[in-house]
Amino acid sequence: QMHLVESGGGLVQAGDSLRLSCAASGRTFSSYAMGWFRQAPGKERAFVATINRSGGNTDYADSVKGRFTITRDNAKDTVYLQMNSLKPDDTAVYYCAAGRSALATMVLRWGSEYDYWGQGTQVTVSS
């Protein structure tokens, strides 16, 4: 079992930045691709960003490309999501997730590909 704990959410104004962190424990962190997803009120959970096991490959939802950056520190068992130029539409609960990818270079875009999920952290962007 892998335990994931997100932190760093909060209330910010449009145009501000936030950095989310997700600390993992219980499994070998570097064996898992990691992802961030979000769920806004009344909407389904949506993919935000993913990173492969080593951190060399990333992928993003079109809505956040150029504004968000996913990174990981395998020495600290932590994945990050740097969010810049935040918009009110970014308001959601943000979840990190861990998944066993078939290849080390793979990134995972679908929620069904992930095995473990955190409890989420609220991000609210005011206009």
C-alpha atoms as a PDB file:
ATOM      1  CA  GLN A   1       0.000   0.000   0.000  1.00  0.00           C
ATOM      2  CA  MET A   2       1.249   3.457  -0.880  1.00  0.00           C
ATOM      3  CA  HIS A   3       0.123   6.431   1.174  1.00  0.00           C
ATOM      4  CA  LEU A   4      -0.073   9.813  -0.555  1.00  0.00           C
ATOM      5  CA  VAL A   5      -0.532  13.128   1.222  1.00  0.00           C
ATOM      6  CA  GLU A   6      -1.073  16.359  -0.696  1.00  0.00           C
ATOM      7  CA  SER A   7      -0.333  19.817   0.672  1.00  0.00           C
ATOM      8  CA  GLY A   8       0.048  23.378  -0.530  1.00  0.00           C
ATOM      9  CA  GLY A   9      -3.486  24.226  -1.545  1.00  0.00           C
ATOM     10  CA  GLY A  10      -5.186  27.439  -0.554  1.00  0.00           C
ATOM     11  CA  LEU A  11      -7.075  30.542  -1.596  1.00  0.00           C
ATOM     12  CA  VAL A  12      -5.323  32.802  -4.085  1.00  0.00           C
ATOM     13  CA  GLN A  13      -6.197  35.513  -6.573  1.00  0.00           C
ATOM     14  CA  ALA A  14      -6.207  35.147 -10.335  1.00  0.00           C
ATOM     15  CA  GLY A  15      -2.684  35.433 -11.674  1.00  0.00           C
ATOM     16  CA  ASP A  16      -1.048  34.125  -8.507  1.00  0.00           C
ATOM     17  CA  SER A  17       1.032  30.980  -8.150  1.00  0.00           C
ATOM     18  CA  LEU A  18       0.886  27.939  -5.893  1.00  0.00           C
ATOM     19  CA  ARG A  19       3.037  24.869  -5.507  1.00  0.00           C
ATOM     20  CA  LEU A  20       1.368  21.639  -4.509  1.00  0.00           C
ATOM     21  CA  SER A  21       3.346  18.818  -2.949  1.00  0.00           C
ATOM     22  CA  CYS A  22       2.505  15.157  -2.617  1.00  0.00           C
ATOM     23  CA  ALA A  23       4.542  13.069  -0.190  1.00  0.00           C
ATOM     24  CA  ALA A  24       4.548   9.301  -0.688  1.00  0.00           C
ATOM     25  CA  SER A  25       5.271   6.494   1.710  1.00  0.00           C
ATOM     26  CA  GLY A  26       4.880   2.755   1.932  1.00  0.00           C
ATOM     27  CA  ARG A  27       6.174   1.724  -1.486  1.00  0.00           C
ATOM     28  CA  THR A  28       9.212   2.366  -3.660  1.00  0.00           C
ATOM     29  CA  PHE A  29       8.336   5.806  -4.977  1.00  0.00           C
ATOM     30  CA  SER A  30      10.684   5.646  -7.943  1.00  0.00           C
ATOM     31  CA  SER A  31       8.854   2.567  -9.260  1.00  0.00           C
ATOM     32  CA  TYR A  32       5.695   4.572  -9.919  1.00  0.00           C
ATOM     33  CA  ALA A  33       4.613   7.080 -12.490  1.00  0.00           C
ATOM     34  CA  MET A  34       2.847   9.968 -10.779  1.00  0.00           C
ATOM     35  CA  GLY A  35      -0.018  12.181 -11.763  1.00  0.00           C
ATOM     36  CA  TRP A  36      -2.128  15.108 -10.693  1.00  0.00           C
ATOM     37  CA  PHE A  37      -5.851  15.232 -11.253  1.00  0.00           C
ATOM     38  CA  ARG A  38      -8.490  17.725 -10.212  1.00  0.00           C
ATOM     39  CA  GLN A  39     -12.200  17.774  -9.571  1.00  0.00           C
ATOM     40  CA  ALA A  40     -14.238  20.949  -9.648  1.00  0.00           C
ATOM     41  CA  PRO A  41     -17.668  21.171  -8.016  1.00  0.00           C
ATOM     42  CA  GLY A  42     -20.259  19.410 -10.128  1.00  0.00           C
ATOM     43  CA  LYS A  43     -17.670  18.083 -12.572  1.00  0.00           C
ATOM     44  CA  GLU A  44     -15.894  14.809 -13.113  1.00  0.00           C
ATOM     45  CA  ARG A  45     -12.319  14.271 -12.101  1.00  0.00           C
ATOM     46  CA  ALA A  46      -9.963  15.496 -14.815  1.00  0.00           C
ATOM     47  CA  PHE A  47      -6.356  14.808 -15.738  1.00  0.00           C
ATOM     48  CA  VAL A  48      -3.921  17.651 -15.086  1.00  0.00           C
ATOM     49  CA  ALA A  49      -0.355  16.380 -15.411  1.00  0.00           C
ATOM     50  CA  THR A  50       1.759  13.242 -15.279  1.00  0.00           C
ATOM     51  CA  ILE A  51       5.423  12.380 -14.916  1.00  0.00           C
ATOM     52  CA  ASN A  52       7.282   9.138 -15.517  1.00  0.00           C
ATOM     53  CA  ARG A  53       9.301   7.246 -12.950  1.00  0.00           C
ATOM     54  CA  SER A  54      12.571   9.117 -13.457  1.00  0.00           C
ATOM     55  CA  GLY A  55      11.055  12.517 -14.101  1.00  0.00           C
ATOM     56  CA  GLY A  56      12.341  12.778 -17.639  1.00  0.00           C
ATOM     57  CA  ASN A  57       8.945  12.610 -19.352  1.00  0.00           C
ATOM     58  CA  THR A  58       5.894  14.702 -18.625  1.00  0.00           C
ATOM     59  CA  ASP A  59       2.492  15.375 -20.145  1.00  0.00           C
ATOM     60  CA  TYR A  60      -0.180  17.953 -19.450  1.00  0.00           C
ATOM     61  CA  ALA A  61      -3.794  18.694 -20.094  1.00  0.00           C
ATOM     62  CA  ASP A  62      -4.184  21.349 -22.764  1.00  0.00           C
ATOM     63  CA  SER A  63      -5.860  23.655 -20.270  1.00  0.00           C
ATOM     64  CA  VAL A  64      -2.724  23.897 -18.108  1.00  0.00           C
ATOM     65  CA  LYS A  65       0.093  23.641 -20.656  1.00  0.00           C
ATOM     66  CA  GLY A  66       2.527  26.483 -20.284  1.00  0.00           C
ATOM     67  CA  ARG A  67       1.215  27.387 -16.823  1.00  0.00           C
ATOM     68  CA  PHE A  68       1.698  24.232 -14.719  1.00  0.00           C
ATOM     69  CA  THR A  69       4.847  22.175 -14.237  1.00  0.00           C
ATOM     70  CA  ILE A  70       5.060  18.733 -12.694  1.00  0.00           C
ATOM     71  CA  THR A  71       8.330  17.568 -11.154  1.00  0.00           C
ATOM     72  CA  ARG A  72       9.431  14.875  -8.774  1.00  0.00           C
ATOM     73  CA  ASP A  73      12.220  14.296  -6.297  1.00  0.00           C
ATOM     74  CA  ASN A  74      12.781  10.577  -5.911  1.00  0.00           C
ATOM     75  CA  ALA A  75      15.220  11.160  -3.046  1.00  0.00           C
ATOM     76  CA  LYS A  76      12.397  12.826  -1.102  1.00  0.00           C
ATOM     77  CA  ASP A  77       9.568  10.589  -2.356  1.00  0.00           C
ATOM     78  CA  THR A  78       7.675  13.690  -3.386  1.00  0.00           C
ATOM     79  CA  VAL A  79       5.967  14.964  -6.518  1.00  0.00           C
ATOM     80  CA  TYR A  80       5.207  18.635  -7.076  1.00  0.00           C
ATOM     81  CA  LEU A  81       2.848  20.687  -9.173  1.00  0.00           C
ATOM     82  CA  GLN A  82       3.924  24.270  -9.754  1.00  0.00           C
ATOM     83  CA  MET A  83       0.912  26.285 -10.828  1.00  0.00           C
ATOM     84  CA  ASN A  84       1.438  29.741 -12.301  1.00  0.00           C
ATOM     85  CA  SER A  85      -0.944  32.291 -13.773  1.00  0.00           C
ATOM     86  CA  LEU A  86      -3.835  30.709 -11.933  1.00  0.00           C
ATOM     87  CA  LYS A  87      -7.348  31.274 -13.219  1.00  0.00           C
ATOM     88  CA  PRO A  88     -10.736  30.930 -11.506  1.00  0.00           C
ATOM     89  CA  ASP A  89     -11.333  27.865 -13.719  1.00  0.00           C
ATOM     90  CA  ASP A  90      -8.444  26.159 -11.918  1.00  0.00           C
ATOM     91  CA  THR A  91     -10.529  26.053  -8.738  1.00  0.00           C
ATOM     92  CA  ALA A  92     -10.848  22.405  -7.716  1.00  0.00           C
ATOM     93  CA  VAL A  93      -9.721  19.731  -5.322  1.00  0.00           C
ATOM     94  CA  TYR A  94      -6.360  18.503  -6.550  1.00  0.00           C
ATOM     95  CA  TYR A  95      -5.381  14.870  -6.137  1.00  0.00           C
ATOM     96  CA  CYS A  96      -2.075  13.147  -6.657  1.00  0.00           C
ATOM     97  CA  ALA A  97      -1.926   9.545  -7.765  1.00  0.00           C
ATOM     98  CA  ALA A  98       0.637   6.774  -8.248  1.00  0.00           C
ATOM     99  CA  GLY A  99       0.555   4.096 -10.937  1.00  0.00           C
ATOM    100  CA  ARG A 100       2.738   1.187 -12.005  1.00  0.00           C
ATOM    101  CA  SER A 101       3.671   1.859 -15.629  1.00  0.00           C
ATOM    102  CA  ALA A 102       4.675  -0.997 -17.916  1.00  0.00           C
ATOM    103  CA  LEU A 103       7.750   0.900 -19.070  1.00  0.00           C
ATOM    104  CA  ALA A 104       9.917   3.308 -17.113  1.00  0.00           C
ATOM    105  CA  THR A 105       9.507   5.955 -19.788  1.00  0.00           C
ATOM    106  CA  MET A 106       5.715   5.862 -19.757  1.00  0.00           C
ATOM    107  CA  VAL A 107       3.433   8.553 -18.469  1.00  0.00           C
ATOM    108  CA  LEU A 108      -0.149   7.798 -17.460  1.00  0.00           C
ATOM    109  CA  ARG A 109      -3.031  10.050 -18.495  1.00  0.00           C
ATOM    110  CA  TRP A 110      -6.018   8.011 -17.377  1.00  0.00           C
ATOM    111  CA  GLY A 111      -7.278   7.749 -13.847  1.00  0.00           C
ATOM    112  CA  SER A 112      -7.919   4.031 -14.304  1.00  0.00           C
ATOM    113  CA  GLU A 113      -4.184   3.512 -14.748  1.00  0.00           C
ATOM    114  CA  TYR A 114      -3.437   4.655 -11.227  1.00  0.00           C
ATOM    115  CA  ASP A 115      -3.324   2.400  -8.191  1.00  0.00           C
ATOM    116  CA  TYR A 116      -3.116   4.836  -5.297  1.00  0.00           C
ATOM    117  CA  TRP A 117      -4.696   8.214  -4.611  1.00  0.00           C
ATOM    118  CA  GLY A 118      -4.281  10.937  -2.044  1.00  0.00           C
ATOM    119  CA  GLN A 119      -7.076  12.656  -0.137  1.00  0.00           C
ATOM    120  CA  GLY A 120      -6.807  15.869  -2.112  1.00  0.00           C
ATOM    121  CA  THR A 121      -6.066  19.509  -1.408  1.00  0.00           C
ATOM    122  CA  GLN A 122      -8.385  22.418  -2.173  1.00  0.00           C
ATOM    123  CA  VAL A 123      -7.266  25.147  -4.543  1.00  0.00           C
ATOM    124  CA  THR A 124      -9.522  28.171  -4.850  1.00  0.00           C
ATOM    125  CA  VAL A 125      -8.752  30.982  -7.270  1.00  0.00           C
ATOM    126  CA  SER A 126     -10.725  34.180  -6.893  1.00  0.00           C
ATOM    127  CA  SER A 127     -11.245  36.630  -9.748  1.00  0.00           C
END
